[in-house]
N, C-alpha and C. Protein backbone atom coordinates (compact mmCIF):
# COMPACT_ATOMS: atom_id res chain seq x y z
N MET A 1 140.77 -41.11 207.89
CA MET A 1 141.97 -42.14 207.68
C MET A 1 142.47 -42.51 208.69
N GLN A 2 142.60 -44.28 209.06
CA GLN A 2 142.94 -44.45 210.19
C GLN A 2 144.57 -44.59 210.51
N ASP A 3 144.98 -44.44 211.66
CA ASP A 3 146.86 -43.98 212.23
C ASP A 3 147.35 -45.25 211.60
N PHE A 4 146.99 -46.44 211.11
CA PHE A 4 147.94 -47.37 210.37
C PHE A 4 148.08 -47.08 209.01
N GLN A 5 146.88 -46.27 208.33
CA GLN A 5 146.92 -45.95 207.08
C GLN A 5 148.28 -44.85 206.97
N SER A 6 148.07 -43.80 207.67
CA SER A 6 148.99 -42.66 208.04
C SER A 6 150.38 -43.43 208.14
N GLU A 7 150.51 -44.40 209.05
CA GLU A 7 151.90 -44.79 209.23
C GLU A 7 152.22 -45.17 207.96
N PHE A 8 151.70 -46.04 207.15
CA PHE A 8 151.80 -46.83 206.16
C PHE A 8 152.35 -46.07 205.10
N LEU A 9 151.48 -44.78 204.78
CA LEU A 9 151.75 -43.98 203.60
C LEU A 9 153.05 -43.10 203.97
N GLU A 10 153.57 -42.67 205.25
CA GLU A 10 154.84 -42.20 205.68
C GLU A 10 155.85 -43.15 205.35
N PHE A 11 155.74 -44.45 205.73
CA PHE A 11 156.51 -45.72 205.49
C PHE A 11 157.03 -45.87 204.05
N VAL A 12 156.15 -45.85 203.16
CA VAL A 12 155.92 -45.91 201.83
C VAL A 12 156.59 -44.74 200.75
N LEU A 13 156.54 -44.02 201.63
CA LEU A 13 157.01 -42.36 201.05
C LEU A 13 158.92 -42.22 201.35
N ASP A 14 158.92 -42.38 202.67
CA ASP A 14 160.19 -42.39 203.07
C ASP A 14 160.97 -43.50 202.39
N ASN A 15 160.39 -44.61 202.12
CA ASN A 15 161.58 -45.91 201.88
C ASN A 15 161.28 -46.01 200.20
N GLU A 16 160.21 -44.74 199.48
CA GLU A 16 160.71 -44.88 198.07
C GLU A 16 159.62 -45.90 197.20
N ILE A 17 158.76 -46.18 197.96
CA ILE A 17 158.04 -47.51 197.73
C ILE A 17 156.90 -46.72 196.83
N LEU A 18 156.40 -45.37 197.36
CA LEU A 18 155.28 -44.64 196.46
C LEU A 18 156.40 -43.32 196.01
N LYS A 19 156.18 -43.19 194.79
CA LYS A 19 156.94 -41.93 194.34
C LYS A 19 155.86 -41.13 193.43
N PHE A 20 156.40 -39.95 193.27
CA PHE A 20 155.36 -39.04 192.36
C PHE A 20 156.24 -38.52 191.59
N GLY A 21 155.71 -38.26 190.33
CA GLY A 21 156.22 -38.02 188.95
C GLY A 21 155.52 -38.18 187.88
N GLU A 22 156.26 -38.82 186.83
CA GLU A 22 155.16 -39.38 185.78
C GLU A 22 155.78 -40.83 185.24
N PHE A 23 154.81 -41.49 185.13
CA PHE A 23 154.85 -42.96 185.12
C PHE A 23 153.94 -43.90 183.91
N THR A 24 154.60 -44.03 183.12
CA THR A 24 153.42 -44.87 182.09
C THR A 24 153.42 -46.09 182.58
N LEU A 25 152.19 -46.46 182.55
CA LEU A 25 151.32 -47.31 183.32
C LEU A 25 151.11 -48.59 182.08
N LYS A 26 150.98 -50.01 182.12
CA LYS A 26 151.10 -50.75 181.31
C LYS A 26 149.63 -50.53 180.11
N SER A 27 148.65 -49.59 180.85
CA SER A 27 147.22 -49.31 180.49
C SER A 27 147.73 -48.34 179.22
N GLY A 28 149.04 -47.49 179.27
CA GLY A 28 149.07 -46.50 178.56
C GLY A 28 149.21 -45.25 179.08
N ARG A 29 148.46 -45.15 180.21
CA ARG A 29 148.16 -44.08 180.96
C ARG A 29 149.17 -43.30 181.61
N VAL A 30 149.55 -42.22 181.85
CA VAL A 30 150.84 -41.34 182.41
C VAL A 30 150.30 -41.11 183.97
N SER A 31 150.76 -41.80 184.71
CA SER A 31 150.40 -41.57 186.04
C SER A 31 151.02 -40.79 186.83
N PRO A 32 150.69 -39.86 187.53
CA PRO A 32 151.57 -39.11 188.69
C PRO A 32 151.98 -39.83 189.70
N TYR A 33 151.78 -40.66 189.91
CA TYR A 33 152.20 -41.56 191.29
C TYR A 33 152.44 -43.17 190.78
N PHE A 34 153.47 -43.75 191.35
CA PHE A 34 153.61 -45.07 191.08
C PHE A 34 153.73 -45.81 192.75
N PHE A 35 153.11 -46.84 192.78
CA PHE A 35 153.30 -47.85 193.86
C PHE A 35 153.98 -49.31 193.64
N ASN A 36 154.99 -49.31 194.11
CA ASN A 36 156.03 -50.51 193.80
C ASN A 36 156.02 -51.37 194.81
N ALA A 37 155.31 -52.30 195.05
CA ALA A 37 155.03 -53.31 195.72
C ALA A 37 156.27 -54.23 196.09
N GLY A 38 156.87 -54.35 195.05
CA GLY A 38 158.29 -55.42 194.87
C GLY A 38 159.59 -54.70 195.60
N LEU A 39 159.30 -53.47 196.50
CA LEU A 39 160.08 -52.69 196.99
C LEU A 39 160.14 -53.36 198.36
N PHE A 40 159.37 -53.92 199.00
CA PHE A 40 159.09 -54.71 200.62
C PHE A 40 160.03 -55.57 200.02
N ASN A 41 161.57 -55.30 200.18
CA ASN A 41 162.49 -56.22 199.83
C ASN A 41 163.73 -56.73 200.97
N ASN A 42 163.15 -56.30 202.24
CA ASN A 42 163.97 -56.95 203.15
C ASN A 42 163.30 -57.34 204.15
N GLY A 43 163.58 -57.66 205.29
CA GLY A 43 163.15 -58.05 206.57
C GLY A 43 161.84 -57.02 207.24
N GLU A 44 162.86 -56.26 207.31
CA GLU A 44 162.16 -54.76 207.99
C GLU A 44 161.09 -54.29 207.22
N LYS A 45 160.98 -54.13 206.03
CA LYS A 45 159.80 -53.81 205.05
C LYS A 45 158.80 -54.89 204.93
N LEU A 46 159.28 -56.14 204.89
CA LEU A 46 158.53 -56.94 205.08
C LEU A 46 157.45 -57.10 206.10
N ALA A 47 158.02 -56.97 207.39
CA ALA A 47 157.65 -57.16 208.44
C ALA A 47 156.49 -56.06 208.64
N PHE A 48 157.14 -55.10 208.45
CA PHE A 48 156.11 -53.52 208.53
C PHE A 48 154.52 -54.05 207.73
N LEU A 49 154.95 -54.32 206.24
CA LEU A 49 154.14 -54.60 205.75
C LEU A 49 152.79 -55.69 205.85
N ALA A 50 153.60 -56.95 206.77
CA ALA A 50 152.71 -57.56 207.21
C ALA A 50 151.94 -57.43 208.43
N LYS A 51 152.40 -56.39 209.02
CA LYS A 51 151.73 -55.84 210.27
C LYS A 51 150.72 -54.66 210.02
N CYS A 52 150.85 -54.16 208.54
CA CYS A 52 149.64 -53.39 208.03
C CYS A 52 148.19 -54.34 207.20
N TYR A 53 148.84 -55.31 206.96
CA TYR A 53 148.03 -56.03 206.36
C TYR A 53 147.43 -56.60 207.61
N ALA A 54 147.93 -57.02 208.56
CA ALA A 54 147.06 -57.70 209.58
C ALA A 54 146.18 -56.71 210.29
N THR A 55 146.45 -55.43 210.44
CA THR A 55 146.03 -54.49 210.93
C THR A 55 144.54 -54.34 210.00
N ALA A 56 144.73 -54.17 208.57
CA ALA A 56 143.82 -53.47 207.99
C ALA A 56 142.76 -54.93 207.85
N ILE A 57 143.04 -56.47 207.92
CA ILE A 57 142.45 -57.41 208.06
C ILE A 57 141.53 -57.38 209.38
N ALA A 58 142.00 -57.02 210.41
CA ALA A 58 141.47 -57.40 211.95
C ALA A 58 140.40 -56.27 212.05
N TYR A 59 140.95 -54.82 211.19
CA TYR A 59 139.94 -53.93 210.99
C TYR A 59 138.74 -53.93 210.53
N SER A 60 138.66 -54.76 209.40
CA SER A 60 137.47 -55.06 208.50
C SER A 60 136.85 -56.11 209.02
N GLU A 61 137.38 -56.70 210.13
CA GLU A 61 136.43 -57.78 210.78
C GLU A 61 135.99 -58.88 209.62
N GLN A 62 136.85 -59.13 208.63
CA GLN A 62 136.24 -60.33 207.74
C GLN A 62 136.54 -61.75 208.72
N GLU A 63 135.62 -62.31 207.91
CA GLU A 63 135.34 -63.85 208.68
C GLU A 63 136.24 -64.63 207.62
N PHE A 64 137.00 -65.45 207.93
CA PHE A 64 137.68 -66.52 206.93
C PHE A 64 138.17 -67.55 207.85
N ASP A 65 138.30 -68.76 207.31
CA ASP A 65 138.92 -69.75 207.67
C ASP A 65 140.47 -70.09 207.62
N VAL A 66 140.80 -69.84 206.25
CA VAL A 66 142.07 -69.80 205.72
C VAL A 66 142.69 -68.79 205.03
N MET A 67 144.08 -68.44 204.93
CA MET A 67 144.28 -67.43 204.18
C MET A 67 145.15 -68.20 202.87
N PHE A 68 145.21 -67.50 201.81
CA PHE A 68 145.82 -67.87 200.56
C PHE A 68 146.34 -67.09 199.99
N GLY A 69 147.93 -67.56 199.28
CA GLY A 69 149.01 -66.42 198.61
C GLY A 69 148.94 -67.06 197.39
N PRO A 70 148.23 -66.47 196.21
CA PRO A 70 148.54 -67.09 194.87
C PRO A 70 150.15 -66.90 194.50
N ALA A 71 150.72 -67.95 194.04
CA ALA A 71 151.95 -67.69 193.43
C ALA A 71 152.38 -66.58 192.73
N TYR A 72 153.42 -65.90 192.67
CA TYR A 72 154.73 -66.02 193.34
C TYR A 72 154.33 -65.16 194.35
N LYS A 73 154.16 -63.50 194.16
CA LYS A 73 154.21 -62.68 194.93
C LYS A 73 153.54 -62.79 196.37
N GLY A 74 152.47 -63.79 196.38
CA GLY A 74 151.50 -63.99 197.35
C GLY A 74 151.75 -64.71 198.58
N ILE A 75 153.06 -65.42 198.22
CA ILE A 75 153.76 -66.46 199.33
C ILE A 75 154.24 -66.18 200.55
N PRO A 76 155.34 -64.73 200.09
CA PRO A 76 155.62 -64.02 201.08
C PRO A 76 154.65 -63.23 202.00
N LEU A 77 153.45 -62.66 201.52
CA LEU A 77 152.90 -61.73 201.75
C LEU A 77 151.96 -62.68 202.77
N VAL A 78 151.27 -63.93 202.37
CA VAL A 78 150.29 -64.74 203.24
C VAL A 78 151.35 -65.15 204.54
N SER A 79 152.46 -65.63 204.26
CA SER A 79 153.33 -66.19 205.33
C SER A 79 153.35 -64.84 206.08
N ALA A 80 154.09 -63.96 205.98
CA ALA A 80 154.40 -62.70 206.88
C ALA A 80 152.69 -62.25 207.58
N SER A 81 151.70 -62.17 206.73
CA SER A 81 150.66 -61.58 207.29
C SER A 81 150.04 -62.80 208.51
N ALA A 82 150.27 -63.75 208.28
CA ALA A 82 149.62 -64.71 209.30
C ALA A 82 150.55 -65.04 210.40
N ILE A 83 151.57 -64.54 210.27
CA ILE A 83 152.64 -64.32 211.60
C ILE A 83 152.15 -63.00 212.25
N ALA A 84 151.98 -62.19 211.75
CA ALA A 84 151.38 -60.46 212.05
C ALA A 84 149.99 -60.88 212.77
N LEU A 85 149.48 -61.75 211.77
CA LEU A 85 147.98 -61.81 212.92
C LEU A 85 147.78 -62.47 214.02
N ALA A 86 149.06 -63.37 213.96
CA ALA A 86 148.62 -64.42 215.26
C ALA A 86 149.71 -63.32 216.34
N ASN A 87 150.46 -62.85 216.28
CA ASN A 87 151.47 -62.02 217.03
C ASN A 87 150.38 -60.55 217.58
N ASN A 88 150.02 -59.90 216.76
CA ASN A 88 149.54 -58.67 217.14
C ASN A 88 148.32 -58.47 217.51
N HIS A 89 147.33 -59.89 216.84
CA HIS A 89 145.83 -59.60 216.86
C HIS A 89 145.42 -60.93 217.57
N GLY A 90 146.21 -61.72 218.00
CA GLY A 90 145.66 -63.08 218.63
C GLY A 90 145.00 -63.85 217.59
N LEU A 91 145.19 -63.88 216.26
CA LEU A 91 144.01 -64.72 214.99
C LEU A 91 145.47 -65.56 214.32
N ASN A 92 145.34 -66.80 215.10
CA ASN A 92 146.11 -67.93 214.62
C ASN A 92 145.45 -68.46 213.96
N LYS A 93 145.83 -67.88 212.33
CA LYS A 93 145.06 -68.58 211.38
C LYS A 93 146.04 -69.46 210.43
N PRO A 94 145.35 -70.46 209.76
CA PRO A 94 146.08 -71.40 208.98
C PRO A 94 146.56 -70.52 207.24
N PHE A 95 147.39 -70.84 207.05
CA PHE A 95 147.55 -70.47 205.59
C PHE A 95 148.08 -71.46 204.48
N CYS A 96 148.19 -71.00 203.11
CA CYS A 96 148.64 -72.08 202.42
C CYS A 96 148.76 -71.30 201.09
N PHE A 97 149.59 -71.69 200.15
CA PHE A 97 149.98 -71.30 198.53
C PHE A 97 149.88 -72.18 197.74
N ASN A 98 149.83 -71.67 196.83
CA ASN A 98 150.02 -73.06 195.52
C ASN A 98 151.39 -72.78 194.51
N ARG A 99 151.80 -74.00 194.45
CA ARG A 99 152.74 -74.11 193.34
C ARG A 99 152.20 -73.90 191.78
N LYS A 100 153.01 -73.22 191.09
CA LYS A 100 152.74 -73.18 189.33
C LYS A 100 152.99 -74.24 188.73
N GLU A 101 153.36 -75.39 189.20
CA GLU A 101 153.64 -76.57 188.36
C GLU A 101 153.47 -77.65 189.75
N ALA A 102 152.56 -78.74 189.36
CA ALA A 102 152.21 -79.92 190.32
C ALA A 102 153.12 -80.77 190.63
N LYS A 103 153.69 -80.98 191.96
CA LYS A 103 154.87 -81.97 192.20
C LYS A 103 154.15 -83.20 192.51
N ASP A 104 155.03 -84.17 191.87
CA ASP A 104 154.57 -85.50 191.78
C ASP A 104 154.98 -86.36 192.92
N HIS A 105 155.88 -85.97 193.52
CA HIS A 105 156.48 -86.75 194.82
C HIS A 105 156.29 -86.05 195.86
N GLY A 106 156.82 -86.81 197.28
CA GLY A 106 156.44 -86.00 198.45
C GLY A 106 154.72 -86.25 198.71
N GLU A 107 154.48 -85.11 199.07
CA GLU A 107 152.89 -84.76 199.25
C GLU A 107 152.45 -84.55 198.27
N GLY A 108 152.79 -83.85 196.92
CA GLY A 108 152.17 -84.27 196.03
C GLY A 108 151.43 -82.55 195.55
N GLY A 109 150.74 -82.50 194.81
CA GLY A 109 149.77 -81.89 194.71
C GLY A 109 150.25 -80.29 194.36
N LEU A 110 149.33 -79.47 194.12
CA LEU A 110 149.30 -77.91 194.11
C LEU A 110 149.76 -76.92 195.11
N ILE A 111 148.91 -77.43 196.19
CA ILE A 111 148.73 -76.73 197.23
C ILE A 111 149.51 -76.68 198.59
N VAL A 112 150.45 -75.72 199.17
CA VAL A 112 151.56 -75.94 199.99
C VAL A 112 151.13 -75.66 201.18
N GLY A 113 151.13 -76.22 202.33
CA GLY A 113 150.93 -75.77 203.57
C GLY A 113 149.27 -76.30 204.34
N ALA A 114 148.46 -75.42 204.95
CA ALA A 114 147.28 -75.79 205.39
C ALA A 114 146.42 -76.45 204.52
N GLU A 115 145.23 -76.95 204.63
CA GLU A 115 144.11 -77.71 203.59
C GLU A 115 143.40 -76.27 202.81
N LEU A 116 143.48 -75.96 201.69
CA LEU A 116 142.53 -75.01 201.26
C LEU A 116 141.08 -75.70 201.44
N SER A 117 140.33 -75.03 202.55
CA SER A 117 139.13 -75.55 202.62
C SER A 117 138.36 -74.42 203.26
N GLY A 118 137.12 -74.44 203.19
CA GLY A 118 136.40 -73.28 203.88
C GLY A 118 136.18 -72.37 203.22
N ASN A 119 136.18 -70.80 204.10
CA ASN A 119 136.23 -69.36 203.58
C ASN A 119 137.56 -69.41 203.63
N VAL A 120 137.89 -68.55 202.35
CA VAL A 120 139.51 -68.32 202.26
C VAL A 120 139.39 -66.93 201.93
N LEU A 121 140.64 -66.36 202.55
CA LEU A 121 140.95 -64.92 202.23
C LEU A 121 142.17 -64.81 201.36
N ILE A 122 141.91 -64.38 200.31
CA ILE A 122 143.41 -64.06 199.12
C ILE A 122 144.39 -63.16 199.87
N ILE A 123 145.32 -63.22 200.06
CA ILE A 123 146.21 -62.15 200.34
C ILE A 123 147.00 -61.99 199.16
N ASP A 124 146.99 -60.64 198.45
CA ASP A 124 148.15 -60.54 197.29
C ASP A 124 148.41 -58.99 197.32
N ASP A 125 149.17 -58.02 196.20
CA ASP A 125 149.63 -56.85 196.60
C ASP A 125 148.88 -56.02 196.21
N VAL A 126 148.55 -56.31 194.57
CA VAL A 126 147.37 -55.38 194.05
C VAL A 126 146.72 -55.88 192.98
N ILE A 127 145.71 -55.41 192.76
CA ILE A 127 144.69 -56.20 191.48
C ILE A 127 144.92 -55.06 190.57
N THR A 128 145.39 -55.65 189.30
CA THR A 128 145.27 -54.47 188.30
C THR A 128 144.21 -54.75 187.39
N ALA A 129 144.30 -55.77 186.79
CA ALA A 129 143.09 -56.08 185.64
C ALA A 129 142.39 -57.27 186.02
N GLY A 130 142.77 -58.10 187.25
CA GLY A 130 141.69 -59.00 188.37
C GLY A 130 141.99 -60.51 187.14
N THR A 131 143.05 -60.64 186.54
CA THR A 131 143.41 -61.99 185.91
C THR A 131 144.04 -62.88 186.92
N ALA A 132 144.69 -62.29 187.82
CA ALA A 132 145.39 -63.36 188.75
C ALA A 132 144.55 -63.73 189.73
N ILE A 133 143.51 -63.02 190.33
CA ILE A 133 142.80 -63.07 191.09
C ILE A 133 141.69 -64.33 190.65
N ARG A 134 141.42 -63.89 189.40
CA ARG A 134 140.47 -65.17 189.11
C ARG A 134 140.90 -66.40 188.77
N GLU A 135 142.10 -66.39 188.51
CA GLU A 135 143.05 -67.99 188.56
C GLU A 135 143.20 -68.35 189.91
N ALA A 136 143.49 -67.51 190.57
CA ALA A 136 143.43 -67.87 192.26
C ALA A 136 141.88 -68.52 192.41
N VAL A 137 140.70 -67.84 192.30
CA VAL A 137 139.49 -68.25 192.68
C VAL A 137 139.23 -69.77 192.02
N GLU A 138 139.92 -69.83 190.66
CA GLU A 138 139.60 -71.36 190.14
C GLU A 138 140.38 -72.18 190.94
N ILE A 139 141.52 -71.88 191.43
CA ILE A 139 141.97 -72.91 192.35
C ILE A 139 141.36 -73.35 193.77
N ILE A 140 140.78 -72.01 194.36
CA ILE A 140 139.82 -72.29 195.17
C ILE A 140 138.75 -73.05 195.15
N GLN A 141 138.28 -72.93 194.12
CA GLN A 141 136.95 -73.99 193.50
C GLN A 141 137.31 -75.04 193.05
N ASN A 142 138.73 -75.40 192.73
CA ASN A 142 138.75 -76.72 192.60
C ASN A 142 139.08 -77.40 193.97
N ASN A 143 139.26 -76.66 194.54
CA ASN A 143 139.21 -77.60 196.27
C ASN A 143 138.09 -77.38 197.05
N ASN A 144 136.91 -77.11 196.18
CA ASN A 144 135.60 -77.35 196.86
C ASN A 144 135.83 -76.17 198.07
N ALA A 145 136.50 -75.29 198.26
CA ALA A 145 136.49 -73.93 199.13
C ALA A 145 135.62 -72.75 198.31
N LYS A 146 135.91 -71.91 199.18
CA LYS A 146 134.79 -70.88 198.84
C LYS A 146 135.58 -69.38 199.12
N LEU A 147 135.63 -68.36 198.09
CA LEU A 147 136.30 -67.35 198.40
C LEU A 147 135.34 -66.22 199.16
N SER A 148 135.86 -65.69 200.53
CA SER A 148 135.29 -64.98 201.14
C SER A 148 135.69 -63.71 201.30
N GLY A 149 136.94 -63.30 200.87
CA GLY A 149 137.37 -61.81 200.46
C GLY A 149 138.96 -61.89 200.21
N ILE A 150 139.11 -60.83 199.87
CA ILE A 150 140.70 -60.39 199.39
C ILE A 150 141.24 -59.09 200.15
N ALA A 151 142.50 -59.44 200.52
CA ALA A 151 143.29 -58.03 201.09
C ALA A 151 144.26 -57.69 200.20
N VAL A 152 144.56 -56.48 199.86
CA VAL A 152 145.92 -55.72 199.05
C VAL A 152 146.10 -54.76 199.59
N ALA A 153 147.45 -54.47 199.08
CA ALA A 153 148.32 -53.46 200.08
C ALA A 153 147.40 -52.08 199.39
N MET A 154 147.16 -51.95 198.14
CA MET A 154 146.68 -50.68 197.56
C MET A 154 145.61 -51.04 196.55
N ASP A 155 144.30 -49.83 196.65
CA ASP A 155 143.52 -50.24 195.71
C ASP A 155 143.64 -48.35 194.95
N ARG A 156 144.28 -48.32 193.48
CA ARG A 156 144.29 -47.36 192.82
C ARG A 156 142.75 -46.66 192.53
N GLN A 157 141.67 -47.17 192.65
CA GLN A 157 140.34 -46.87 192.66
C GLN A 157 140.47 -46.26 191.01
N GLU A 158 140.85 -47.14 190.23
CA GLU A 158 140.86 -46.29 188.61
C GLU A 158 139.87 -47.32 187.92
N ARG A 159 139.21 -46.62 187.10
CA ARG A 159 138.38 -47.44 186.20
C ARG A 159 139.14 -48.09 185.02
N GLY A 160 138.80 -49.29 184.55
CA GLY A 160 139.40 -50.46 183.74
C GLY A 160 138.62 -50.06 182.22
N ILE A 161 138.58 -50.87 181.96
CA ILE A 161 138.03 -50.99 180.45
C ILE A 161 136.21 -50.09 180.87
N SER A 162 135.78 -50.74 181.39
CA SER A 162 134.54 -50.13 181.59
C SER A 162 134.34 -49.01 182.95
N GLU A 163 133.46 -48.67 183.57
CA GLU A 163 133.00 -47.48 184.44
C GLU A 163 133.78 -47.92 185.48
N LEU A 164 133.63 -49.32 185.88
CA LEU A 164 133.99 -50.02 187.27
C LEU A 164 135.73 -49.96 187.04
N SER A 165 136.01 -50.29 188.68
CA SER A 165 137.52 -50.49 188.42
C SER A 165 137.64 -51.81 188.55
N ALA A 166 139.27 -52.49 188.62
CA ALA A 166 138.99 -54.22 188.51
C ALA A 166 138.58 -54.64 190.24
N ILE A 167 139.00 -54.25 191.23
CA ILE A 167 138.64 -54.49 192.37
C ILE A 167 136.78 -54.26 192.26
N GLN A 168 136.37 -53.46 191.99
CA GLN A 168 134.80 -53.16 191.92
C GLN A 168 134.27 -54.30 191.05
N GLU A 169 134.77 -54.55 189.77
CA GLU A 169 134.53 -55.83 189.16
C GLU A 169 134.55 -57.03 189.93
N ILE A 170 135.58 -57.28 190.63
CA ILE A 170 135.93 -58.38 191.21
C ILE A 170 134.66 -58.53 192.61
N GLU A 171 134.48 -57.60 193.17
CA GLU A 171 133.61 -57.31 194.64
C GLU A 171 132.25 -57.71 193.83
N GLN A 172 131.79 -57.40 192.57
CA GLN A 172 130.54 -57.36 192.00
C GLN A 172 130.36 -59.21 191.73
N THR A 173 131.47 -59.35 191.06
CA THR A 173 131.23 -60.81 190.41
C THR A 173 131.08 -62.01 191.41
N TYR A 174 132.06 -61.86 192.53
CA TYR A 174 132.09 -62.75 193.28
C TYR A 174 131.48 -62.44 194.88
N GLN A 175 130.67 -61.38 194.98
CA GLN A 175 129.81 -60.74 196.06
C GLN A 175 130.78 -60.72 197.33
N ILE A 176 131.94 -60.28 197.33
CA ILE A 176 132.83 -60.18 198.42
C ILE A 176 133.32 -59.03 198.43
N ALA A 177 133.96 -58.47 199.64
CA ALA A 177 134.26 -57.31 199.90
C ALA A 177 135.77 -57.20 199.63
N VAL A 178 136.56 -56.48 199.22
CA VAL A 178 138.21 -56.30 198.85
C VAL A 178 138.43 -55.34 200.09
N THR A 179 139.79 -55.84 200.79
CA THR A 179 139.92 -54.63 201.97
C THR A 179 141.32 -54.25 201.31
N ASN A 180 141.88 -53.21 201.62
CA ASN A 180 143.02 -52.68 201.35
C ASN A 180 143.78 -51.64 202.61
N ILE A 181 145.03 -51.63 202.10
CA ILE A 181 145.76 -51.13 203.30
C ILE A 181 145.73 -49.21 202.67
N ILE A 182 145.87 -49.05 202.13
CA ILE A 182 145.47 -47.98 201.35
C ILE A 182 145.06 -47.79 200.09
N ASP A 183 144.20 -46.62 199.86
CA ASP A 183 143.62 -46.37 198.30
C ASP A 183 144.24 -44.80 197.91
N LEU A 184 143.79 -44.95 196.86
CA LEU A 184 144.39 -43.43 196.21
C LEU A 184 143.67 -42.17 197.06
N GLN A 185 142.13 -42.09 197.37
CA GLN A 185 142.04 -41.17 198.45
C GLN A 185 142.59 -40.97 199.65
N ASN A 186 143.14 -42.14 200.20
CA ASN A 186 143.90 -41.92 201.54
C ASN A 186 145.39 -40.94 200.92
N ILE A 187 145.77 -41.07 199.69
CA ILE A 187 147.07 -40.41 199.20
C ILE A 187 146.65 -39.16 199.15
N ILE A 188 145.25 -38.64 198.45
CA ILE A 188 145.04 -37.48 198.37
C ILE A 188 144.77 -36.64 199.49
N ASP A 189 144.29 -37.40 200.59
CA ASP A 189 143.96 -36.73 201.91
C ASP A 189 145.12 -36.62 202.36
N TYR A 190 146.18 -37.28 202.59
CA TYR A 190 147.37 -37.40 202.85
C TYR A 190 148.52 -36.27 202.73
N LEU A 191 148.39 -36.14 201.00
CA LEU A 191 148.81 -34.73 200.32
C LEU A 191 148.59 -33.57 201.01
N GLU A 192 147.11 -33.33 201.11
CA GLU A 192 146.24 -32.25 201.20
C GLU A 192 146.54 -31.98 203.25
N ALA A 193 146.74 -32.84 203.69
CA ALA A 193 147.03 -32.76 205.27
C ALA A 193 148.70 -32.10 205.52
N SER A 194 149.60 -32.49 204.05
CA SER A 194 151.04 -32.43 204.86
C SER A 194 151.24 -30.87 204.70
N SER A 195 152.21 -30.71 205.39
CA SER A 195 152.97 -29.57 205.76
C SER A 195 154.58 -29.30 204.71
N ASP A 196 154.45 -30.66 203.99
CA ASP A 196 155.76 -30.31 203.45
C ASP A 196 155.33 -30.23 201.83
N SER A 197 156.36 -29.05 201.61
CA SER A 197 155.83 -28.23 200.33
C SER A 197 156.23 -29.04 199.13
N ILE A 198 157.02 -29.83 199.23
CA ILE A 198 157.42 -30.70 198.29
C ILE A 198 156.48 -31.72 197.63
N LEU A 199 155.76 -32.32 198.96
CA LEU A 199 154.75 -33.22 198.39
C LEU A 199 153.38 -32.72 198.05
N GLN A 200 153.15 -31.20 198.59
CA GLN A 200 151.84 -30.78 198.33
C GLN A 200 152.11 -30.04 196.59
N GLN A 201 153.22 -30.07 196.29
CA GLN A 201 153.23 -29.94 194.79
C GLN A 201 152.59 -30.94 193.93
N HIS A 202 152.27 -32.22 194.29
CA HIS A 202 152.01 -33.34 193.56
C HIS A 202 150.25 -33.36 193.85
N LEU A 203 149.98 -32.62 195.00
CA LEU A 203 148.47 -33.02 194.96
C LEU A 203 147.61 -32.28 193.95
N SER A 204 147.85 -31.43 192.93
CA SER A 204 147.25 -31.14 191.86
C SER A 204 146.86 -32.14 190.98
N ALA A 205 148.33 -32.64 190.59
CA ALA A 205 148.27 -33.83 189.43
C ALA A 205 147.14 -34.86 189.93
N VAL A 206 148.20 -35.26 190.98
CA VAL A 206 147.08 -36.69 191.71
C VAL A 206 145.67 -36.30 191.65
N ALA A 207 145.23 -35.35 192.02
CA ALA A 207 143.67 -35.00 192.32
C ALA A 207 143.08 -34.84 190.37
N ALA A 208 143.71 -34.35 189.94
CA ALA A 208 143.31 -34.47 188.33
C ALA A 208 143.21 -36.00 187.78
N TYR A 209 144.38 -36.80 188.18
CA TYR A 209 144.05 -38.01 187.85
C TYR A 209 143.10 -38.74 188.19
N ARG A 210 142.90 -38.87 189.60
CA ARG A 210 141.69 -38.90 190.17
C ARG A 210 140.39 -38.86 189.57
N GLU A 211 140.24 -37.37 189.28
CA GLU A 211 139.00 -36.88 188.38
C GLU A 211 138.98 -37.40 187.02
N LYS A 212 140.04 -37.71 186.52
CA LYS A 212 139.80 -38.16 184.98
C LYS A 212 139.54 -39.78 184.93
N TYR A 213 140.36 -40.44 185.59
CA TYR A 213 140.31 -41.74 185.84
C TYR A 213 139.62 -42.53 186.74
N GLY A 214 139.21 -41.81 187.98
CA GLY A 214 138.98 -42.35 189.17
C GLY A 214 137.36 -43.19 188.81
N VAL A 215 136.99 -44.04 189.75
CA VAL A 215 135.73 -44.46 190.06
C VAL A 215 135.04 -43.85 191.34
């Protein structure tokens, strides 16, 4: 595990963005943990999240021309990540995002910010079913651009309907790599290494869930 991943896990635990217990997911599965990216909801938290996105992107060495944040959650993520990449890694990349409804005055159109062209890196929080990503890819292709990669905060490494996870299906379909800040294995590794007896109590449940539903 990289230092930025350990730091990220400490932060999300301290701020109760990552919680342990029993959580019923949209799929109906009862998960022993829950990651709520919506709780990165103030300036300090968003700045930290963006710093971690930027580090993960730089570490992955993904090559791209422009960053795209799908509305609505992707808008603050792509904006903040672009700042962090420029400030912390010397990568001054253009970014843009989409509107849900086309604007017929002013500059018009669906895309706000830089031109959506060339190789595109999508910035999003998580990939659950992959529906939002497919919609974003359609926007990218409609602008004659090409998806080159995706960056998300967390990969649950969990099977969907098939034996693959939603992220694996996306990678296979579009022949790209999905970069994450953390994944489920990082959480398990962190729990195993922790000296906190309360955290260690959750290890067996998380490991069992991975064994049952993991990819």
